[in-house]
Amino acid sequence: MNPTLLLPALNHLLAQEPWASQKLQLHAGKIACIDMSMFSLRVKVTAQGYLESAPEDATANVTIHVNPADVPLILQDKERAVSYVKLEGDADLAQTISELGKHLRWDAEQQLSQVFGDIAGRRLANTGKAALSSLQANAQKLQENLAEYFLEENPLLVRPARVTEFAQEVGRTRDDVERLLKRIEKLEKAR
């Protein structure tokens, strides 16, 4: 991955939150690597508490291994994000990165108000939030409709209760067959 695309945005967030760059200043000169199997991002912490691109051959002080399949889970529950990653190296730097990931947020309303003014910035931010909320609701409805279709109309999926019921029926049938075999055995011995 080309960090030059991501670093300006991260440094912009750090510049907005002085506490964040102060936390990073404690790790000046250290290199962090975020390894996502398909690509890795290597960054070096500057003396000012910002990030710059680190050479690919530089030894990382901390490596954070992330399974790409776990990214949606990480984004959904940032409090449990650490349980989805594997850390190697400097625990203090990893902890700082984790804290920044949990608490560093882009304030869209503030950015928009600087460009368009306070009222327009607030309205644009609210419109964006409403649009995002609508998209999420529509995605949820689509997911529910697809689940219903695959469960009811074109049954490619089975409800867990139906699986349990089927397993119980199989168990009863097996027991009935065993009892029948024992009866047949008794009848053959009685002859």
C-alpha atoms as a PDB file:
ATOM      1  CA  MET A   1       0.000   0.000   0.000  1.00  0.00           C
ATOM      2  CA  ASN A   2       1.206   3.460  -0.797  1.00  0.00           C
ATOM      3  CA  PRO A   3       1.318   5.322   2.546  1.00  0.00           C
ATOM      4  CA  THR A   4       1.586   8.681   0.813  1.00  0.00           C
ATOM      5  CA  LEU A   5      -2.174   8.454   0.194  1.00  0.00           C
ATOM      6  CA  LEU A   6      -3.075   7.754   3.825  1.00  0.00           C
ATOM      7  CA  LEU A   7      -0.450   9.723   5.752  1.00  0.00           C
ATOM      8  CA  PRO A   8      -1.766  13.235   4.986  1.00  0.00           C
ATOM      9  CA  ALA A   9      -5.210  12.282   6.314  1.00  0.00           C
ATOM     10  CA  LEU A  10      -3.739  10.704   9.462  1.00  0.00           C
ATOM     11  CA  ASN A  11      -1.452  13.677  10.065  1.00  0.00           C
ATOM     12  CA  HIS A  12      -4.413  16.043   9.562  1.00  0.00           C
ATOM     13  CA  LEU A  13      -6.296  14.182  12.322  1.00  0.00           C
ATOM     14  CA  LEU A  14      -3.228  14.296  14.572  1.00  0.00           C
ATOM     15  CA  ALA A  15      -2.883  18.048  13.972  1.00  0.00           C
ATOM     16  CA  GLN A  16      -6.501  18.578  15.091  1.00  0.00           C
ATOM     17  CA  GLU A  17      -5.963  16.680  18.352  1.00  0.00           C
ATOM     18  CA  PRO A  18      -2.833  17.864  20.228  1.00  0.00           C
ATOM     19  CA  TRP A  19      -3.182  15.089  22.827  1.00  0.00           C
ATOM     20  CA  ALA A  20      -2.744  12.499  20.057  1.00  0.00           C
ATOM     21  CA  SER A  21       0.478  13.932  18.643  1.00  0.00           C
ATOM     22  CA  GLN A  22       1.813  14.343  22.210  1.00  0.00           C
ATOM     23  CA  LYS A  23       1.235  10.624  22.824  1.00  0.00           C
ATOM     24  CA  LEU A  24       3.096   9.787  19.624  1.00  0.00           C
ATOM     25  CA  GLN A  25       6.012  12.108  20.462  1.00  0.00           C
ATOM     26  CA  LEU A  26       6.938   9.658  23.244  1.00  0.00           C
ATOM     27  CA  HIS A  27       7.674   7.136  20.484  1.00  0.00           C
ATOM     28  CA  ALA A  28       9.628   9.417  18.145  1.00  0.00           C
ATOM     29  CA  GLY A  29      11.864   7.510  15.739  1.00  0.00           C
ATOM     30  CA  LYS A  30      10.002   4.217  16.172  1.00  0.00           C
ATOM     31  CA  ILE A  31       8.546   2.334  13.231  1.00  0.00           C
ATOM     32  CA  ALA A  32       5.160   0.611  13.198  1.00  0.00           C
ATOM     33  CA  CYS A  33       4.089  -1.906  10.582  1.00  0.00           C
ATOM     34  CA  ILE A  34       0.463  -2.808   9.954  1.00  0.00           C
ATOM     35  CA  ASP A  35       0.510  -6.106   8.071  1.00  0.00           C
ATOM     36  CA  MET A  36      -2.741  -7.087   6.339  1.00  0.00           C
ATOM     37  CA  SER A  37      -1.400 -10.110   4.382  1.00  0.00           C
ATOM     38  CA  MET A  38      -2.035  -8.508   0.976  1.00  0.00           C
ATOM     39  CA  PHE A  39      -0.126  -5.335   1.837  1.00  0.00           C
ATOM     40  CA  SER A  40       1.630  -3.680   4.711  1.00  0.00           C
ATOM     41  CA  LEU A  41       1.860  -0.090   5.865  1.00  0.00           C
ATOM     42  CA  ARG A  42       5.122   1.047   7.483  1.00  0.00           C
ATOM     43  CA  VAL A  43       5.200   4.392   9.252  1.00  0.00           C
ATOM     44  CA  LYS A  44       7.774   6.178  11.348  1.00  0.00           C
ATOM     45  CA  VAL A  45       6.861   8.506  14.212  1.00  0.00           C
ATOM     46  CA  THR A  46       8.453  11.946  13.866  1.00  0.00           C
ATOM     47  CA  ALA A  47       9.768  14.093  16.739  1.00  0.00           C
ATOM     48  CA  GLN A  48       6.675  16.311  16.345  1.00  0.00           C
ATOM     49  CA  GLY A  49       4.317  13.365  16.889  1.00  0.00           C
ATOM     50  CA  TYR A  50       3.277  12.933  13.266  1.00  0.00           C
ATOM     51  CA  LEU A  51       3.744  10.038  10.859  1.00  0.00           C
ATOM     52  CA  GLU A  52       5.970   9.680   7.839  1.00  0.00           C
ATOM     53  CA  SER A  53       6.623   6.870   5.424  1.00  0.00           C
ATOM     54  CA  ALA A  54       9.204   4.331   6.603  1.00  0.00           C
ATOM     55  CA  PRO A  55      11.439   2.332   4.254  1.00  0.00           C
ATOM     56  CA  GLU A  56      10.166  -1.172   3.473  1.00  0.00           C
ATOM     57  CA  ASP A  57      13.434  -2.742   4.649  1.00  0.00           C
ATOM     58  CA  ALA A  58      13.455  -0.894   8.011  1.00  0.00           C
ATOM     59  CA  THR A  59      12.948  -3.055  11.091  1.00  0.00           C
ATOM     60  CA  ALA A  60       9.626  -2.349  12.746  1.00  0.00           C
ATOM     61  CA  ASN A  61       9.450  -1.764  16.501  1.00  0.00           C
ATOM     62  CA  VAL A  62       5.916  -3.120  16.481  1.00  0.00           C
ATOM     63  CA  THR A  63       4.081  -5.195  13.892  1.00  0.00           C
ATOM     64  CA  ILE A  64       0.316  -5.418  13.966  1.00  0.00           C
ATOM     65  CA  HIS A  65      -0.976  -8.390  11.969  1.00  0.00           C
ATOM     66  CA  VAL A  66      -4.577  -7.939  10.808  1.00  0.00           C
ATOM     67  CA  ASN A  67      -6.588 -10.610   9.030  1.00  0.00           C
ATOM     68  CA  PRO A  68      -8.492  -8.785   6.233  1.00  0.00           C
ATOM     69  CA  ALA A  69     -11.590 -10.863   7.027  1.00  0.00           C
ATOM     70  CA  ASP A  70     -11.629  -9.385  10.558  1.00  0.00           C
ATOM     71  CA  VAL A  71     -11.675  -5.744   9.402  1.00  0.00           C
ATOM     72  CA  PRO A  72     -15.511  -5.475   9.504  1.00  0.00           C
ATOM     73  CA  LEU A  73     -15.495  -6.892  13.058  1.00  0.00           C
ATOM     74  CA  ILE A  74     -12.807  -4.417  14.091  1.00  0.00           C
ATOM     75  CA  LEU A  75     -14.738  -1.485  12.631  1.00  0.00           C
ATOM     76  CA  GLN A  76     -17.948  -2.673  14.257  1.00  0.00           C
ATOM     77  CA  ASP A  77     -16.502  -3.010  17.776  1.00  0.00           C
ATOM     78  CA  LYS A  78     -13.415  -0.849  18.268  1.00  0.00           C
ATOM     79  CA  GLU A  79     -13.289  -1.733  21.976  1.00  0.00           C
ATOM     80  CA  ARG A  80     -12.553  -5.368  21.085  1.00  0.00           C
ATOM     81  CA  ALA A  81     -10.314  -4.578  18.106  1.00  0.00           C
ATOM     82  CA  VAL A  82      -7.183  -5.783  19.915  1.00  0.00           C
ATOM     83  CA  SER A  83      -8.684  -9.272  20.225  1.00  0.00           C
ATOM     84  CA  TYR A  84      -8.777  -9.547  16.424  1.00  0.00           C
ATOM     85  CA  VAL A  85      -5.123  -8.664  15.807  1.00  0.00           C
ATOM     86  CA  LYS A  86      -1.764 -10.240  16.595  1.00  0.00           C
ATOM     87  CA  LEU A  87       0.905  -7.953  18.013  1.00  0.00           C
ATOM     88  CA  GLU A  88       4.667  -8.401  17.880  1.00  0.00           C
ATOM     89  CA  GLY A  89       7.183  -6.032  19.422  1.00  0.00           C
ATOM     90  CA  ASP A  90       6.917  -2.833  21.460  1.00  0.00           C
ATOM     91  CA  ALA A  91       3.806  -3.140  23.637  1.00  0.00           C
ATOM     92  CA  ASP A  92       3.833   0.574  24.587  1.00  0.00           C
ATOM     93  CA  LEU A  93       3.758   1.686  20.954  1.00  0.00           C
ATOM     94  CA  ALA A  94       1.032  -0.878  20.194  1.00  0.00           C
ATOM     95  CA  GLN A  95      -1.008   0.455  23.142  1.00  0.00           C
ATOM     96  CA  THR A  96      -0.621   4.039  21.906  1.00  0.00           C
ATOM     97  CA  ILE A  97      -1.743   3.049  18.401  1.00  0.00           C
ATOM     98  CA  SER A  98      -4.719   1.216  19.908  1.00  0.00           C
ATOM     99  CA  GLU A  99      -5.728   4.293  21.955  1.00  0.00           C
ATOM    100  CA  LEU A 100      -5.466   6.511  18.883  1.00  0.00           C
ATOM    101  CA  GLY A 101      -7.596   4.066  16.911  1.00  0.00           C
ATOM    102  CA  LYS A 102     -10.300   4.125  19.586  1.00  0.00           C
ATOM    103  CA  HIS A 103     -10.429   7.850  20.303  1.00  0.00           C
ATOM    104  CA  LEU A 104      -9.175   9.761  17.258  1.00  0.00           C
ATOM    105  CA  ARG A 105     -12.153  10.903  15.173  1.00  0.00           C
ATOM    106  CA  TRP A 106     -12.589  13.129  12.167  1.00  0.00           C
ATOM    107  CA  ASP A 107     -14.973  15.976  12.952  1.00  0.00           C
ATOM    108  CA  ALA A 108     -16.665  16.491   9.601  1.00  0.00           C
ATOM    109  CA  GLU A 109     -18.896  19.270  10.910  1.00  0.00           C
ATOM    110  CA  GLN A 110     -15.920  21.343  12.032  1.00  0.00           C
ATOM    111  CA  GLN A 111     -14.116  20.858   8.726  1.00  0.00           C
ATOM    112  CA  LEU A 112     -17.201  21.778   6.716  1.00  0.00           C
ATOM    113  CA  SER A 113     -17.903  24.833   8.888  1.00  0.00           C
ATOM    114  CA  GLN A 114     -14.402  26.162   8.168  1.00  0.00           C
ATOM    115  CA  VAL A 115     -15.132  26.017   4.447  1.00  0.00           C
ATOM    116  CA  PHE A 116     -18.865  26.830   4.262  1.00  0.00           C
ATOM    117  CA  GLY A 117     -19.620  28.548   7.573  1.00  0.00           C
ATOM    118  CA  ASP A 118     -21.168  27.237  10.779  1.00  0.00           C
ATOM    119  CA  ILE A 119     -24.798  26.860   9.708  1.00  0.00           C
ATOM    120  CA  ALA A 120     -24.062  25.365   6.290  1.00  0.00           C
ATOM    121  CA  GLY A 121     -21.402  23.097   7.808  1.00  0.00           C
ATOM    122  CA  ARG A 122     -23.870  21.784  10.392  1.00  0.00           C
ATOM    123  CA  ARG A 123     -26.567  21.219   7.765  1.00  0.00           C
ATOM    124  CA  LEU A 124     -24.156  19.452   5.405  1.00  0.00           C
ATOM    125  CA  ALA A 125     -22.895  17.238   8.236  1.00  0.00           C
ATOM    126  CA  ASN A 126     -26.459  16.405   9.306  1.00  0.00           C
ATOM    127  CA  THR A 127     -27.409  15.640   5.704  1.00  0.00           C
ATOM    128  CA  GLY A 128     -24.405  13.336   5.417  1.00  0.00           C
ATOM    129  CA  LYS A 129     -25.334  11.580   8.673  1.00  0.00           C
ATOM    130  CA  ALA A 130     -28.942  11.170   7.511  1.00  0.00           C
ATOM    131  CA  ALA A 131     -27.774   9.762   4.163  1.00  0.00           C
ATOM    132  CA  LEU A 132     -25.439   7.324   5.913  1.00  0.00           C
ATOM    133  CA  SER A 133     -28.214   6.290   8.290  1.00  0.00           C
ATOM    134  CA  SER A 134     -30.563   5.751   5.350  1.00  0.00           C
ATOM    135  CA  LEU A 135     -27.951   3.653   3.542  1.00  0.00           C
ATOM    136  CA  GLN A 136     -27.436   1.535   6.661  1.00  0.00           C
ATOM    137  CA  ALA A 137     -31.192   1.039   7.086  1.00  0.00           C
ATOM    138  CA  ASN A 138     -31.558   0.068   3.418  1.00  0.00           C
ATOM    139  CA  ALA A 139     -28.635  -2.337   3.685  1.00  0.00           C
ATOM    140  CA  GLN A 140     -30.261  -3.914   6.760  1.00  0.00           C
ATOM    141  CA  LYS A 141     -33.600  -4.262   4.913  1.00  0.00           C
ATOM    142  CA  LEU A 142     -31.845  -5.816   1.912  1.00  0.00           C
ATOM    143  CA  GLN A 143     -30.066  -8.262   4.192  1.00  0.00           C
ATOM    144  CA  GLU A 144     -33.350  -9.225   5.863  1.00  0.00           C
ATOM    145  CA  ASN A 145     -35.100  -9.618   2.494  1.00  0.00           C
ATOM    146  CA  LEU A 146     -32.321 -11.814   1.137  1.00  0.00           C
ATOM    147  CA  ALA A 147     -32.374 -13.941   4.278  1.00  0.00           C
ATOM    148  CA  GLU A 148     -36.150 -14.368   3.991  1.00  0.00           C
ATOM    149  CA  TYR A 149     -35.850 -15.252   0.304  1.00  0.00           C
ATOM    150  CA  PHE A 150     -33.173 -17.881   0.915  1.00  0.00           C
ATOM    151  CA  LEU A 151     -35.027 -19.280   3.947  1.00  0.00           C
ATOM    152  CA  GLU A 152     -38.612 -19.279   2.648  1.00  0.00           C
ATOM    153  CA  GLU A 153     -38.972 -18.809  -1.104  1.00  0.00           C
ATOM    154  CA  ASN A 154     -35.824 -20.480  -2.435  1.00  0.00           C
ATOM    155  CA  PRO A 155     -34.640 -22.485   0.567  1.00  0.00           C
ATOM    156  CA  LEU A 156     -30.871 -22.529   0.264  1.00  0.00           C
ATOM    157  CA  LEU A 157     -30.593 -21.754   3.985  1.00  0.00           C
ATOM    158  CA  VAL A 158     -32.219 -23.468   6.942  1.00  0.00           C
ATOM    159  CA  ARG A 159     -33.340 -21.909  10.208  1.00  0.00           C
ATOM    160  CA  PRO A 160     -31.482 -23.214  13.283  1.00  0.00           C
ATOM    161  CA  ALA A 161     -34.770 -24.357  14.889  1.00  0.00           C
ATOM    162  CA  ARG A 162     -35.530 -26.468  11.799  1.00  0.00           C
ATOM    163  CA  VAL A 163     -32.044 -28.041  11.935  1.00  0.00           C
ATOM    164  CA  THR A 164     -32.579 -28.945  15.605  1.00  0.00           C
ATOM    165  CA  GLU A 165     -36.017 -30.380  14.827  1.00  0.00           C
ATOM    166  CA  PHE A 166     -34.558 -32.425  11.957  1.00  0.00           C
ATOM    167  CA  ALA A 167     -31.760 -33.750  14.180  1.00  0.00           C
ATOM    168  CA  GLN A 168     -34.326 -34.816  16.787  1.00  0.00           C
ATOM    169  CA  GLU A 169     -36.392 -36.580  14.103  1.00  0.00           C
ATOM    170  CA  VAL A 170     -33.293 -38.393  12.868  1.00  0.00           C
ATOM    171  CA  GLY A 171     -32.556 -39.467  16.453  1.00  0.00           C
ATOM    172  CA  ARG A 172     -36.118 -40.762  16.918  1.00  0.00           C
ATOM    173  CA  THR A 173     -35.969 -42.621  13.587  1.00  0.00           C
ATOM    174  CA  ARG A 174     -32.629 -44.171  14.521  1.00  0.00           C
ATOM    175  CA  ASP A 175     -34.043 -45.320  17.876  1.00  0.00           C
ATOM    176  CA  ASP A 176     -37.159 -46.729  16.154  1.00  0.00           C
ATOM    177  CA  VAL A 177     -35.013 -48.639  13.657  1.00  0.00           C
ATOM    178  CA  GLU A 178     -32.880 -50.072  16.466  1.00  0.00           C
ATOM    179  CA  ARG A 179     -36.009 -51.200  18.365  1.00  0.00           C
ATOM    180  CA  LEU A 180     -37.413 -52.743  15.187  1.00  0.00           C
ATOM    181  CA  LEU A 181     -34.147 -54.612  14.545  1.00  0.00           C
ATOM    182  CA  LYS A 182     -34.210 -55.992  18.101  1.00  0.00           C
ATOM    183  CA  ARG A 183     -37.815 -57.173  17.636  1.00  0.00           C
ATOM    184  CA  ILE A 184     -36.867 -58.862  14.366  1.00  0.00           C
ATOM    185  CA  GLU A 185     -33.922 -60.495  16.150  1.00  0.00           C
ATOM    186  CA  LYS A 186     -36.225 -61.782  18.915  1.00  0.00           C
ATOM    187  CA  LEU A 187     -38.700 -63.135  16.381  1.00  0.00           C
ATOM    188  CA  GLU A 188     -35.942 -64.961  14.499  1.00  0.00           C
ATOM    189  CA  LYS A 189     -34.659 -66.505  17.757  1.00  0.00           C
ATOM    190  CA  ALA A 190     -38.199 -67.539  18.716  1.00  0.00           C
ATOM    191  CA  ARG A 191     -38.581 -69.655  15.579  1.00  0.00           C
END
